[in-house]
Protein backbone atom coordinates (compact mmCIF):
# COMPACT_ATOMS: atom_id res chain seq x y z
CA MET A 1 16.67 -21.25 -148.24
CA VAL A 2 13.70 -23.33 -149.33
CA LEU A 3 15.34 -26.34 -148.10
CA ALA A 4 15.77 -24.72 -144.63
CA GLN A 5 12.07 -23.76 -144.62
CA ARG A 6 11.05 -27.45 -145.36
CA LYS A 7 13.11 -28.69 -142.73
CA GLU A 8 11.42 -26.04 -140.25
CA ILE A 9 8.07 -27.05 -141.56
CA THR A 10 8.50 -30.91 -140.95
CA GLU A 11 10.08 -30.16 -137.30
CA MET A 12 7.19 -28.00 -136.68
CA GLN A 13 4.70 -30.88 -137.85
CA GLU A 14 6.40 -33.29 -135.64
CA ASN A 15 6.24 -30.90 -132.87
CA THR A 16 2.40 -30.30 -133.29
CA SER A 17 1.38 -33.76 -132.96
CA SER A 18 3.38 -34.05 -129.61
CA LEU A 19 1.52 -30.79 -128.73
CA GLU A 20 -1.91 -31.89 -129.82
CA SER A 21 -1.48 -34.76 -127.18
CA ARG A 22 -0.31 -32.24 -124.68
CA VAL A 23 -3.23 -29.54 -125.56
CA ALA A 24 -5.78 -32.61 -125.27
CA ARG A 25 -4.58 -33.65 -121.68
CA LEU A 26 -4.54 -29.73 -120.76
CA GLU A 27 -8.08 -29.31 -121.96
CA SER A 28 -9.07 -32.48 -119.93
CA ASP A 29 -7.38 -30.99 -116.74
CA VAL A 30 -9.22 -27.75 -117.41
CA SER A 31 -12.45 -29.52 -117.52
CA HIS A 32 -11.85 -31.38 -114.42
CA ILE A 33 -10.67 -28.09 -112.72
CA ARG A 34 -13.90 -26.44 -113.82
CA SER A 35 -16.01 -29.31 -112.54
CA ASP A 36 -14.20 -29.04 -109.06
CA VAL A 37 -14.63 -25.45 -109.15
CA SER A 38 -18.46 -25.78 -109.63
CA LEU A 39 -18.44 -28.16 -106.94
CA ILE A 40 -16.60 -25.83 -104.58
CA GLN A 41 -19.33 -22.92 -105.56
CA VAL A 42 -21.95 -25.34 -104.56
CA ASP A 43 -20.19 -26.16 -101.48
CA LEU A 44 -19.81 -22.58 -100.63
CA ARG A 45 -23.52 -21.63 -101.15
CA ASP A 46 -24.49 -24.49 -99.01
CA LEU A 47 -21.82 -23.26 -96.39
CA ARG A 48 -23.10 -19.68 -96.76
CA LYS A 49 -26.73 -20.81 -96.20
CA THR A 50 -25.83 -22.94 -93.12
CA MET A 51 -23.77 -20.06 -91.76
CA ASP A 52 -26.61 -17.55 -92.33
CA MET A 53 -28.78 -19.79 -90.53
CA LYS A 54 -26.30 -20.26 -87.54
CA PHE A 55 -25.97 -16.49 -87.34
CA GLU A 56 -29.78 -15.93 -87.30
CA ASN A 57 -30.10 -18.28 -84.50
CA SER A 58 -27.21 -16.70 -82.72
CA ASP A 59 -28.91 -13.24 -83.18
CA ALA A 60 -32.21 -14.62 -81.85
CA LYS A 61 -30.49 -16.10 -78.89
CA LEU A 62 -28.53 -12.90 -78.25
CA ASP A 63 -31.57 -10.81 -78.54
CA ALA A 64 -33.74 -13.06 -76.18
CA LEU A 65 -30.45 -12.93 -73.73
CA ALA A 66 -30.53 -9.24 -74.02
CA ALA A 67 -34.18 -8.91 -73.12
CA LYS A 68 -33.62 -11.15 -70.17
CA VAL A 69 -30.68 -9.04 -68.95
CA ASP A 70 -32.84 -5.85 -69.57
CA ALA A 71 -35.64 -7.17 -67.55
CA LYS A 72 -33.33 -8.24 -64.74
CA PHE A 73 -31.66 -5.00 -64.76
CA ASP A 74 -34.83 -3.08 -64.74
CA ALA A 75 -36.25 -5.15 -61.85
CA PHE A 76 -32.88 -4.64 -59.94
CA ARG A 77 -32.95 -0.77 -60.73
CA ALA A 78 -36.70 -0.71 -59.54
CA GLU A 79 -35.77 -2.59 -56.34
CA VAL A 80 -32.69 -0.23 -55.73
CA ASP A 81 -35.00 2.85 -56.39
CA ALA A 82 -37.59 1.49 -53.94
CA LYS A 83 -34.88 0.92 -51.40
CA PHE A 84 -33.58 4.40 -51.79
CA ASP A 85 -37.02 5.74 -51.63
CA ALA A 86 -37.77 4.11 -48.15
CA PHE A 87 -34.41 5.09 -46.96
CA GLY A 88 -35.08 8.69 -48.04
CA ALA A 89 -38.41 8.43 -46.36
CA LYS A 90 -36.78 7.25 -43.11
CA VAL A 91 -34.29 10.13 -43.16
CA ASP A 92 -37.03 12.51 -43.68
CA ALA A 93 -39.05 11.23 -41.10
CA LYS A 94 -35.97 11.42 -38.78
CA PHE A 95 -35.16 15.05 -39.72
CA ASP A 96 -38.80 15.96 -39.22
CA THR A 97 -38.87 14.55 -35.83
CA PHE A 98 -35.50 16.19 -35.07
CA GLY A 99 -36.62 19.46 -36.22
CA ALA A 100 -39.82 19.26 -34.21
CA LYS A 101 -37.60 18.51 -31.20
CA VAL A 102 -35.27 21.31 -31.95
CA ASP A 103 -38.31 23.56 -32.47
CA ALA A 104 -39.87 22.59 -29.29
CA LYS A 105 -36.51 23.17 -27.31
CA LEU A 106 -36.08 26.59 -29.16
CA ASP A 107 -39.70 27.69 -28.31
CA ALA A 108 -39.07 26.69 -24.57
CA LEU A 109 -35.82 28.64 -24.62
CA ASP A 110 -37.51 31.53 -26.18
CA LYS A 111 -40.15 31.64 -23.40
CA LYS A 112 -37.74 31.64 -20.76
CA PHE A 113 -35.77 34.36 -22.53
CA ASP A 114 -39.05 36.36 -22.81
CA ALA A 115 -39.87 35.63 -19.16
CA LYS A 116 -36.41 36.97 -18.09
CA PHE A 117 -36.51 39.90 -20.32
CA ASP A 118 -40.02 40.66 -19.22
CA GLY A 119 -38.72 40.60 -15.59
CA LEU A 120 -35.97 42.76 -16.54
CA ASP A 121 -38.23 45.14 -18.37
CA LYS A 122 -40.44 45.43 -15.34
CA LYS A 123 -37.50 46.06 -12.97
CA PHE A 124 -36.12 48.72 -15.34
CA ASP A 125 -39.37 50.40 -15.70
CA GLN A 126 -39.71 50.53 -11.89
CA LYS A 127 -36.25 51.84 -11.38
CA PHE A 128 -36.81 54.39 -14.36
CA ASP A 129 -40.12 55.40 -12.81
CA SER A 130 -38.70 55.89 -9.23
CA LEU A 131 -35.57 57.91 -10.80
CA ALA A 132 -38.03 59.94 -12.68
CA ALA A 133 -39.80 60.55 -9.44
CA LYS A 134 -36.57 61.43 -7.68
CA ILE A 135 -35.57 63.75 -10.50
CA GLY A 136 -39.11 65.40 -10.25
CA GLU A 137 -38.36 65.94 -6.52
CA LEU A 138 -34.97 67.27 -7.29
CA LYS A 139 -36.28 69.80 -9.80
CA VAL A 140 -38.62 71.16 -6.93
CA TRP A 141 -35.79 71.39 -4.74
CA ALA A 142 -33.33 72.86 -7.52
CA LEU A 143 -36.05 75.52 -8.17
CA LEU A 144 -36.50 76.23 -4.55
CA VAL A 145 -32.41 76.68 -4.12
CA ILE A 146 -32.02 78.71 -7.27
CA GLY A 147 -35.14 80.79 -6.79
CA GLY A 148 -33.93 81.49 -3.03
CA GLY A 149 -30.63 82.18 -4.01
CA VAL A 150 -31.70 84.52 -6.93
CA LEU A 151 -34.27 86.19 -4.49
CA SER A 152 -31.47 86.73 -1.72
CA VAL A 153 -29.20 88.27 -4.37
CA VAL A 154 -31.97 90.62 -5.61
CA ALA A 155 -32.98 91.25 -1.88
CA ARG A 156 -29.31 92.26 -1.10
CA ALA A 157 -29.00 94.36 -4.18
CA LEU A 158 -32.15 96.21 -3.26
CA HIS A 159 -31.07 96.39 0.35
CA TRP A 160 -33.95 94.54 1.69
CA PHE A 161 -32.17 93.30 4.39
């Protein structure tokens, strides 16, 4: 057993010498990887700075463009509002003149109707007055006839004739 253990130890020593060279190579590779990573980090920082600058420039350009578009849109809106106001004023003026014409025609028609109705009213009053006069005359005649009839009935009843 001891012999077996010695054999294992000698094999391990041979293996460790070959392992040491491999570990040294791995350590060298890791140091190169670290230096590459640090270079990549520096490049990324530089890239981030330049990208931030480019985004800031783009934001400024977009803000300026938005301000121009807003100004043009406001000017366009003001122009459209002015045109609508002018159109509204024209329509209002046309309606006012049309309303005045209609009012004038209605007033003239009203005067015609008033004149015709006044004429009819005068005719009606004249006919009513003449009818009232005739009825008054008829009352007199009715009283004379009725009174005469009653008087003749009374006279016959009393044997006056």
